[in-house]
Amino acid sequence: MKILIVTPFLPYSRVYHAGGKFIYEIIKVLSQKHDIYLLSRIEPDQFVFINEIKQLCKGIELLFFKTPKSSSYISSIPIIISYLRLGLKANRFIKKNVFDLVQVEYVETGLLIEKKKNIPMILDAHDVITKPAYRRFLKSKGLKRCFNYLRWKLTMEVERFIARKFHRIFTKSKQDRNILLQLDNTLEVSIVPHPILENHILNQDIVRKSNVLLFAGAMHRDVNIEAVLYFYNKILPLVRQRIPEVKFYIVGHKPPNKVREIARRDPRVIVTGFVDDLRPYYLKATVFVSPLLIGGGIIVKNLDAMAMGLPVVTTSFGNEGIGAIPDKHILVADDPREFAEKVIFLLKEKHRREEIAKSGKEFVKNRFSLNSVIDRIERSYSELVINKNLFKE
């Protein structure tokens, strides 16, 4: 098949976020059987990785983009414009070429992409955008609640409008699938979870002796910044009342000043910024903490930690798309005090810590293998191509 993949994030082996890694791994496997064409934004520091992805693709089209340094509402304008430009460029590229199938990554990318009658169009919804918008509305108060209500309603209409342009939508979890079907029950929605690679699963038992807590994630994202500040201000003080020597590592790309400031005033907090390889940090840590206050899709950081044999304490949002069994594969707590108690429990109870780590690793290995994910994708491709004459404009 001749397949076009449209993505706002350049996929390459060292990309720092889960979505980019997913796209790269999928392209790497699919390119062995299909002709893959890529249309992507590219940032200034990513040009060095072009040759890597070129080796996997028959053709590449790029759209230059530079992420704004601030995260204000005004700075989001060039980001929105870049998504619109990407959609328009995709329309032109599709008209000039003949593709058997087009796959668009991320809901926002599909805003200006035109629906095609005889070309199967897939939307890979890494995050269903209505869900976090609704949860922000529920959490807010006063005038901000009114603003977030309007924002949620607008997001819902935008997502519905985009979703209806595609012949099939991939979501990362059952919960996200249900949300899209609530928007429109005529949508074709399949669950295609984020895979965990075999070489990312630890095949040996590690003796974890230190009192080290780890959070890892793209630290320019609001959801991760919010989680880290919540943990440091509300949960970590409770843990330190019982275990004063505990250290907290924050690992991830582009931490803002308010996160770096924590490490400057607290020597037991280490903020690393971007690292080439997370594995040494997974091996050094005793417990992975993931106190997410807003969720969406599958929280891949939790899967990665579980795959590395690291016990995870998270919130209901953090486990929502994963579906692990609480107290067997993972520990779940939504209250700061309860969260702290579960962290303390894992730090103190070596036997239970190792049991949960082992069962969590097996759960990820069985449920999220790359082969099973590729099989789901290939089946969808075949179904859509075979039935493309039945599509309606």
Protein backbone atom coordinates (compact mmCIF):
# COMPACT_ATOMS: atom_id res chain seq x y z
CA MET A 1 0.00 0.00 0.00
CA LYS A 2 0.98 3.62 -0.57
CA ILE A 3 0.28 5.33 2.77
CA LEU A 4 0.53 9.00 3.74
CA ILE A 5 1.07 9.80 7.42
CA VAL A 6 0.42 13.41 8.47
CA THR A 7 1.82 14.38 11.87
CA PRO A 8 2.56 17.64 13.71
CA PHE A 9 5.59 16.02 15.37
CA LEU A 10 8.59 14.72 13.44
CA PRO A 11 9.04 11.04 14.32
CA TYR A 12 12.59 9.88 15.06
CA SER A 13 14.28 7.47 17.46
CA ARG A 14 15.23 10.06 20.10
CA VAL A 15 11.99 12.03 20.11
CA TYR A 16 11.17 13.03 23.68
CA HIS A 17 7.40 12.44 23.83
CA ALA A 18 5.28 9.29 23.67
CA GLY A 19 3.25 10.25 20.60
CA GLY A 20 6.34 10.84 18.49
CA LYS A 21 7.85 7.55 19.63
CA PHE A 22 4.63 5.71 18.73
CA ILE A 23 4.58 7.18 15.20
CA TYR A 24 8.27 6.39 14.67
CA GLU A 25 7.90 2.75 15.74
CA ILE A 26 4.78 2.27 13.61
CA ILE A 27 6.51 3.72 10.55
CA LYS A 28 9.56 1.54 11.19
CA VAL A 29 7.43 -1.62 11.07
CA LEU A 30 4.95 -0.59 8.37
CA SER A 31 7.72 0.54 6.00
CA GLN A 32 8.86 -3.08 5.71
CA LYS A 33 5.62 -3.92 3.83
CA HIS A 34 4.24 -0.60 2.59
CA ASP A 35 5.42 2.58 0.88
CA ILE A 36 5.24 5.25 3.58
CA TYR A 37 5.08 8.97 2.78
CA LEU A 38 5.42 11.49 5.60
CA LEU A 39 4.17 15.05 6.00
CA SER A 40 5.34 16.64 9.24
CA ARG A 41 6.23 19.85 10.99
CA ILE A 42 9.91 20.20 11.83
CA GLU A 43 11.62 22.33 14.49
CA PRO A 44 15.09 23.92 14.15
CA ASP A 45 16.85 21.35 16.36
CA GLN A 46 15.33 18.39 14.48
CA PHE A 47 17.03 18.78 11.10
CA VAL A 48 19.83 16.47 12.24
CA PHE A 49 17.30 13.61 12.43
CA ILE A 50 15.89 13.94 8.90
CA ASN A 51 18.15 11.28 7.36
CA GLU A 52 17.03 8.75 9.96
CA ILE A 53 13.36 9.04 9.02
CA LYS A 54 14.14 9.43 5.29
CA GLN A 55 15.57 5.91 5.30
CA LEU A 56 12.13 4.59 6.30
CA CYS A 57 9.98 6.69 3.94
CA LYS A 58 9.54 6.85 0.18
CA GLY A 59 8.96 10.58 0.38
CA ILE A 60 8.93 13.38 2.96
CA GLU A 61 7.34 16.84 2.99
CA LEU A 62 8.21 19.18 5.87
CA LEU A 63 6.69 22.34 7.33
CA PHE A 64 9.06 24.53 9.37
CA PHE A 65 7.85 25.43 12.87
CA LYS A 66 9.36 26.78 16.09
CA THR A 67 7.62 26.19 19.43
CA PRO A 68 7.08 29.47 21.35
CA LYS A 69 9.13 29.77 24.53
CA SER A 70 6.22 30.86 26.72
CA SER A 71 3.01 28.92 27.36
CA SER A 72 0.57 31.87 27.44
CA TYR A 73 -2.68 32.01 25.48
CA ILE A 74 -1.11 34.49 23.05
CA SER A 75 1.81 32.14 22.36
CA SER A 76 -0.68 29.41 21.43
CA ILE A 77 -1.72 31.39 18.33
CA PRO A 78 1.33 30.40 16.21
CA ILE A 79 0.82 26.78 17.31
CA ILE A 80 -2.79 26.84 16.09
CA ILE A 81 -1.72 28.50 12.83
CA SER A 82 0.90 25.78 12.28
CA TYR A 83 -1.79 23.08 12.58
CA LEU A 84 -3.94 24.92 10.04
CA ARG A 85 -1.00 25.27 7.64
CA LEU A 86 -0.23 21.56 8.05
CA GLY A 87 -3.81 20.65 7.16
CA LEU A 88 -3.80 22.86 4.06
CA LYS A 89 -0.44 21.44 2.96
CA ALA A 90 -1.84 17.92 3.43
CA ASN A 91 -4.80 18.74 1.15
CA ARG A 92 -2.45 19.93 -1.60
CA PHE A 93 -0.16 16.92 -1.17
CA ILE A 94 -3.08 14.47 -1.38
CA LYS A 95 -4.40 16.15 -4.56
CA LYS A 96 -1.00 15.92 -6.27
CA ASN A 97 -0.42 12.25 -5.40
CA VAL A 98 -2.31 8.95 -5.39
CA PHE A 99 -2.48 7.26 -1.98
CA ASP A 100 -4.20 4.05 -0.93
CA LEU A 101 -4.71 5.39 2.59
CA VAL A 102 -4.12 8.56 4.63
CA GLN A 103 -3.50 8.51 8.39
CA VAL A 104 -3.64 11.78 10.33
CA GLU A 105 -2.01 11.94 13.76
CA TYR A 106 -3.70 13.94 16.55
CA VAL A 107 -7.21 15.39 16.47
CA GLU A 108 -6.05 19.00 16.06
CA THR A 109 -4.24 18.18 12.82
CA GLY A 110 -7.52 17.25 11.14
CA LEU A 111 -9.20 20.65 11.49
CA LEU A 112 -8.68 21.81 7.87
CA ILE A 113 -8.02 18.43 6.25
CA GLU A 114 -10.66 17.66 3.62
CA LYS A 115 -12.60 14.41 3.61
CA LYS A 116 -11.96 12.25 0.55
CA LYS A 117 -14.55 9.86 -0.86
CA ASN A 118 -12.40 7.10 -2.31
CA ILE A 119 -9.30 7.41 -0.13
CA PRO A 120 -9.59 5.73 3.29
CA MET A 121 -8.95 8.41 5.92
CA ILE A 122 -7.87 7.45 9.45
CA LEU A 123 -7.59 9.81 12.42
CA ASP A 124 -5.21 8.58 15.12
CA ALA A 125 -6.58 10.35 18.21
CA HIS A 126 -3.65 10.19 20.63
CA ASP A 127 -5.70 12.29 23.05
CA VAL A 128 -9.45 12.87 22.88
CA ILE A 129 -9.44 16.64 23.40
CA THR A 130 -12.96 16.89 24.84
CA LYS A 131 -12.01 14.93 27.97
CA PRO A 132 -9.34 17.24 29.46
CA ALA A 133 -11.44 20.29 28.51
CA TYR A 134 -14.39 18.87 30.48
CA ARG A 135 -12.21 18.03 33.48
CA ARG A 136 -10.71 21.51 33.56
CA PHE A 137 -14.25 22.91 33.61
CA LEU A 138 -15.19 20.64 36.55
CA LYS A 139 -12.11 21.71 38.55
CA SER A 140 -12.44 25.46 38.00
CA LYS A 141 -14.41 28.06 39.99
CA GLY A 142 -15.88 31.52 39.52
CA LEU A 143 -15.33 33.35 36.23
CA LYS A 144 -12.75 30.80 35.19
CA ARG A 145 -15.44 28.11 35.43
CA CYS A 146 -17.63 30.08 33.00
CA PHE A 147 -14.71 30.45 30.61
CA ASN A 148 -13.80 26.76 30.86
CA TYR A 149 -17.45 25.78 30.30
CA LEU A 150 -17.49 27.66 26.99
CA ARG A 151 -14.09 26.23 26.13
CA TRP A 152 -15.33 22.68 26.82
CA LYS A 153 -18.44 23.16 24.67
CA LEU A 154 -16.40 24.64 21.82
CA THR A 155 -13.86 21.82 22.06
CA MET A 156 -16.67 19.28 21.90
CA GLU A 157 -18.07 20.80 18.69
CA VAL A 158 -14.62 21.07 17.11
CA GLU A 159 -13.80 17.46 17.93
CA ARG A 160 -17.14 16.26 16.54
CA PHE A 161 -16.59 18.27 13.34
CA ILE A 162 -13.10 16.82 12.85
CA ALA A 163 -14.05 13.23 13.70
CA ARG A 164 -16.87 13.14 11.14
CA LYS A 165 -14.38 13.70 8.32
CA PHE A 166 -12.66 10.36 8.85
CA HIS A 167 -13.67 6.84 7.87
CA ARG A 168 -12.12 5.39 11.02
CA ILE A 169 -10.65 6.75 14.23
CA PHE A 170 -8.02 5.09 16.40
CA THR A 171 -8.15 5.79 20.13
CA LYS A 172 -5.71 4.63 22.78
CA SER A 173 -8.32 3.41 25.24
CA LYS A 174 -11.90 2.18 25.63
CA GLN A 175 -12.78 5.30 27.62
CA ASP A 176 -11.68 7.58 24.79
CA ARG A 177 -13.63 5.47 22.29
CA ASN A 178 -16.78 5.88 24.39
CA ILE A 179 -16.35 9.66 24.54
CA LEU A 180 -16.16 9.91 20.74
CA LEU A 181 -19.21 7.69 20.34
CA GLN A 182 -21.10 9.99 22.71
CA LEU A 183 -20.25 12.85 20.35
CA ASP A 184 -21.53 10.84 17.37
CA ASN A 185 -22.58 7.19 17.61
CA THR A 186 -22.16 6.70 13.84
CA LEU A 187 -18.37 7.08 14.05
CA GLU A 188 -16.17 4.07 13.31
CA VAL A 189 -13.81 3.91 16.29
CA SER A 190 -11.17 1.23 16.97
CA ILE A 191 -8.89 0.89 19.99
CA VAL A 192 -5.20 0.89 19.07
CA PRO A 193 -3.17 1.27 22.29
CA HIS A 194 0.35 2.60 22.59
CA PRO A 195 2.79 -0.35 22.28
CA ILE A 196 5.68 -1.05 24.60
CA LEU A 197 8.72 -2.40 22.77
CA GLU A 198 10.23 -5.71 23.85
CA ASN A 199 13.63 -4.10 24.46
CA HIS A 200 11.96 -1.59 26.81
CA ILE A 201 10.78 -4.37 29.10
CA LEU A 202 13.25 -5.23 31.85
CA ASN A 203 14.04 -8.94 31.72
CA GLN A 204 15.74 -9.16 35.10
CA ASP A 205 14.80 -8.46 38.70
CA ILE A 206 16.38 -5.37 40.25
CA VAL A 207 17.04 -4.92 43.96
CA ARG A 208 15.91 -1.37 44.73
CA LYS A 209 17.37 -0.18 48.03
CA SER A 210 17.33 3.62 47.90
CA ASN A 211 14.41 5.92 48.71
CA VAL A 212 14.18 7.56 45.28
CA LEU A 213 10.94 8.74 43.70
CA LEU A 214 10.75 9.41 39.97
CA PHE A 215 8.48 11.38 37.68
CA ALA A 216 9.24 11.37 33.95
CA GLY A 217 7.42 13.20 31.18
CA ALA A 218 7.58 16.03 28.65
CA MET A 219 7.91 18.91 31.10
CA HIS A 220 6.69 21.64 28.76
CA ARG A 221 3.18 20.11 28.92
CA ASP A 222 0.79 21.75 31.39
CA VAL A 223 -0.57 18.41 32.61
CA ASN A 224 2.93 17.29 33.69
CA ILE A 225 3.86 20.64 35.23
CA GLU A 226 0.63 20.57 37.23
CA ALA A 227 1.28 17.00 38.40
CA VAL A 228 4.83 17.76 39.57
CA LEU A 229 3.83 20.91 41.48
CA TYR A 230 0.89 19.10 43.06
CA PHE A 231 3.15 16.24 44.17
CA TYR A 232 5.85 18.54 45.54
CA ASN A 233 3.48 20.85 47.43
CA LYS A 234 0.76 18.47 48.62
CA ILE A 235 2.17 14.92 48.75
CA LEU A 236 5.95 14.98 49.19
CA PRO A 237 5.82 16.85 52.55
CA LEU A 238 3.63 14.03 53.93
CA VAL A 239 6.09 11.40 52.67
CA ARG A 240 9.02 13.27 54.23
CA GLN A 241 7.35 13.31 57.63
CA ARG A 242 7.93 9.54 57.70
CA ILE A 243 10.94 9.21 55.38
CA PRO A 244 12.91 12.50 55.52
CA GLU A 245 15.77 11.34 53.29
CA VAL A 246 13.59 10.58 50.24
CA LYS A 247 14.78 12.10 46.94
CA PHE A 248 12.54 13.19 44.06
CA TYR A 249 13.79 13.08 40.45
CA ILE A 250 11.94 15.06 37.76
CA VAL A 251 13.12 13.90 34.34
CA GLY A 252 11.88 15.33 31.07
CA HIS A 253 12.24 17.77 28.21
CA LYS A 254 12.02 21.56 28.72
CA PRO A 255 11.09 21.97 32.42
CA PRO A 256 9.87 25.55 33.04
CA ASN A 257 11.45 27.87 35.58
CA LYS A 258 8.82 27.14 38.23
CA VAL A 259 9.87 23.47 38.13
CA ARG A 260 13.61 24.21 38.03
CA GLU A 261 13.15 26.58 40.97
CA ILE A 262 12.11 23.63 43.14
CA ALA A 263 15.52 22.00 42.67
CA ARG A 264 17.33 25.29 43.31
CA ARG A 265 15.80 25.63 46.77
CA ASP A 266 15.52 21.93 47.67
CA PRO A 267 18.70 19.79 47.39
CA ARG A 268 16.66 16.57 47.61
CA VAL A 269 14.87 17.37 44.34
CA ILE A 270 16.76 16.79 41.08
CA VAL A 271 15.48 18.27 37.80
CA THR A 272 17.44 16.83 34.86
CA GLY A 273 15.84 18.28 31.74
CA PHE A 274 16.03 16.14 28.60
CA VAL A 275 17.99 12.87 28.83
CA ASP A 276 18.92 10.54 25.96
CA ASP A 277 18.08 7.40 27.90
CA LEU A 278 15.53 7.11 30.70
CA ARG A 279 16.51 3.58 31.66
CA PRO A 280 19.24 4.53 34.19
CA TYR A 281 16.64 6.62 36.04
CA TYR A 282 14.10 3.79 36.03
CA LEU A 283 16.78 1.50 37.46
CA LYS A 284 17.85 4.03 40.10
CA ALA A 285 14.31 4.78 41.33
CA THR A 286 12.34 2.88 43.94
CA VAL A 287 8.84 4.14 43.11
CA PHE A 288 7.39 5.94 40.09
CA VAL A 289 4.90 8.67 41.03
CA SER A 290 2.33 9.90 38.52
CA PRO A 291 -0.18 12.16 40.32
CA LEU A 292 -2.02 13.34 37.20
CA LEU A 293 -4.96 15.66 37.82
CA ILE A 294 -6.19 15.53 34.22
CA GLY A 295 -5.87 12.49 31.99
CA GLY A 296 -6.30 11.61 28.34
CA GLY A 297 -5.63 8.53 26.25
CA ILE A 298 -3.13 6.11 27.74
CA ILE A 299 -0.58 7.54 30.17
CA VAL A 300 2.48 6.05 28.50
CA LYS A 301 4.86 7.21 31.23
CA ASN A 302 3.10 4.78 33.58
CA LEU A 303 3.39 1.90 31.09
CA ASP A 304 7.10 2.61 30.57
CA ALA A 305 7.76 2.55 34.31
CA MET A 306 5.79 -0.68 34.77
CA ALA A 307 7.67 -2.27 31.86
CA MET A 308 10.93 -1.41 33.62
CA GLY A 309 9.84 -3.23 36.77
CA LEU A 310 9.16 -0.04 38.69
CA PRO A 311 6.04 0.05 40.92
CA VAL A 312 3.71 2.92 40.05
CA VAL A 313 1.50 5.09 42.24
CA THR A 314 -0.92 7.15 40.17
CA THR A 315 -4.39 8.70 40.21
CA SER A 316 -7.58 7.30 38.68
CA PHE A 317 -6.85 9.45 35.63
CA GLY A 318 -3.42 7.85 35.30
CA ASN A 319 -4.87 4.34 35.22
CA GLU A 320 -8.03 5.12 33.27
CA GLY A 321 -6.77 4.18 29.80
CA ILE A 322 -4.45 1.45 31.05
CA GLY A 323 -6.98 -0.66 32.93
CA ALA A 324 -4.51 -2.20 35.39
CA ILE A 325 -5.97 -3.77 38.54
CA PRO A 326 -5.37 -1.48 41.56
CA ASP A 327 -3.31 -3.05 44.35
CA LYS A 328 -2.23 -5.83 41.99
CA HIS A 329 -0.55 -4.20 38.98
CA ILE A 330 -0.53 -0.59 40.18
CA LEU A 331 -1.47 1.57 43.20
CA VAL A 332 -4.13 4.26 42.75
CA ALA A 333 -4.97 7.22 45.01
CA ASP A 334 -6.77 10.50 44.33
CA ASP A 335 -6.38 12.12 47.76
CA PRO A 336 -2.96 13.62 48.67
CA ARG A 337 -2.79 11.85 52.03
CA GLU A 338 -3.80 8.49 50.57
CA PHE A 339 -1.29 8.97 47.74
CA ALA A 340 1.47 9.69 50.26
CA GLU A 341 0.52 6.61 52.31
CA LYS A 342 0.82 4.39 49.25
CA VAL A 343 4.21 5.83 48.36
CA ILE A 344 5.41 5.26 51.94
CA PHE A 345 4.01 1.73 51.88
CA LEU A 346 6.02 0.84 48.77
CA LEU A 347 9.19 2.42 50.13
CA LYS A 348 8.92 0.47 53.38
CA GLU A 349 7.44 -2.87 52.26
CA LYS A 350 10.08 -4.45 50.02
CA HIS A 351 8.18 -7.71 49.45
CA ARG A 352 4.93 -6.05 48.32
CA ARG A 353 6.87 -3.54 46.26
CA GLU A 354 8.53 -6.34 44.32
CA GLU A 355 5.23 -8.21 43.90
CA ILE A 356 3.45 -5.19 42.44
CA ALA A 357 6.41 -4.36 40.20
CA LYS A 358 6.51 -7.91 38.83
CA SER A 359 2.77 -8.19 38.19
CA GLY A 360 2.71 -4.73 36.61
CA LYS A 361 5.51 -5.68 34.24
CA GLU A 362 3.72 -8.88 33.17
CA PHE A 363 0.49 -6.95 32.65
CA VAL A 364 2.19 -4.50 30.27
CA LYS A 365 4.06 -7.26 28.46
CA ASN A 366 0.87 -9.21 27.77
CA ARG A 367 -1.46 -6.31 26.96
CA PHE A 368 0.68 -3.78 25.06
CA SER A 369 3.05 -5.71 22.78
CA LEU A 370 4.08 -4.09 19.47
CA ASN A 371 3.00 -7.13 17.43
CA SER A 372 -0.58 -7.01 18.72
CA VAL A 373 -0.83 -3.28 18.00
CA ILE A 374 0.53 -3.68 14.45
CA ASP A 375 -1.96 -6.50 13.82
CA ARG A 376 -4.85 -4.19 14.78
CA ILE A 377 -3.57 -1.43 12.51
CA GLU A 378 -3.04 -3.76 9.54
CA ARG A 379 -6.53 -5.24 9.91
CA SER A 380 -8.07 -1.76 9.86
CA TYR A 381 -6.05 -0.80 6.79
CA SER A 382 -7.19 -3.90 4.90
CA GLU A 383 -10.86 -3.44 5.85
CA LEU A 384 -10.88 0.20 4.76
CA VAL A 385 -9.11 -0.36 1.44
CA ILE A 386 -11.36 -3.31 0.54
CA ASN A 387 -14.53 -1.35 1.38
CA LYS A 388 -13.54 2.10 0.08
CA ASN A 389 -16.20 2.01 -2.67
CA LEU A 390 -18.85 2.08 0.09
CA PHE A 391 -17.63 5.39 1.53
CA LYS A 392 -19.95 8.39 1.39
CA GLU A 393 -18.82 11.94 0.75
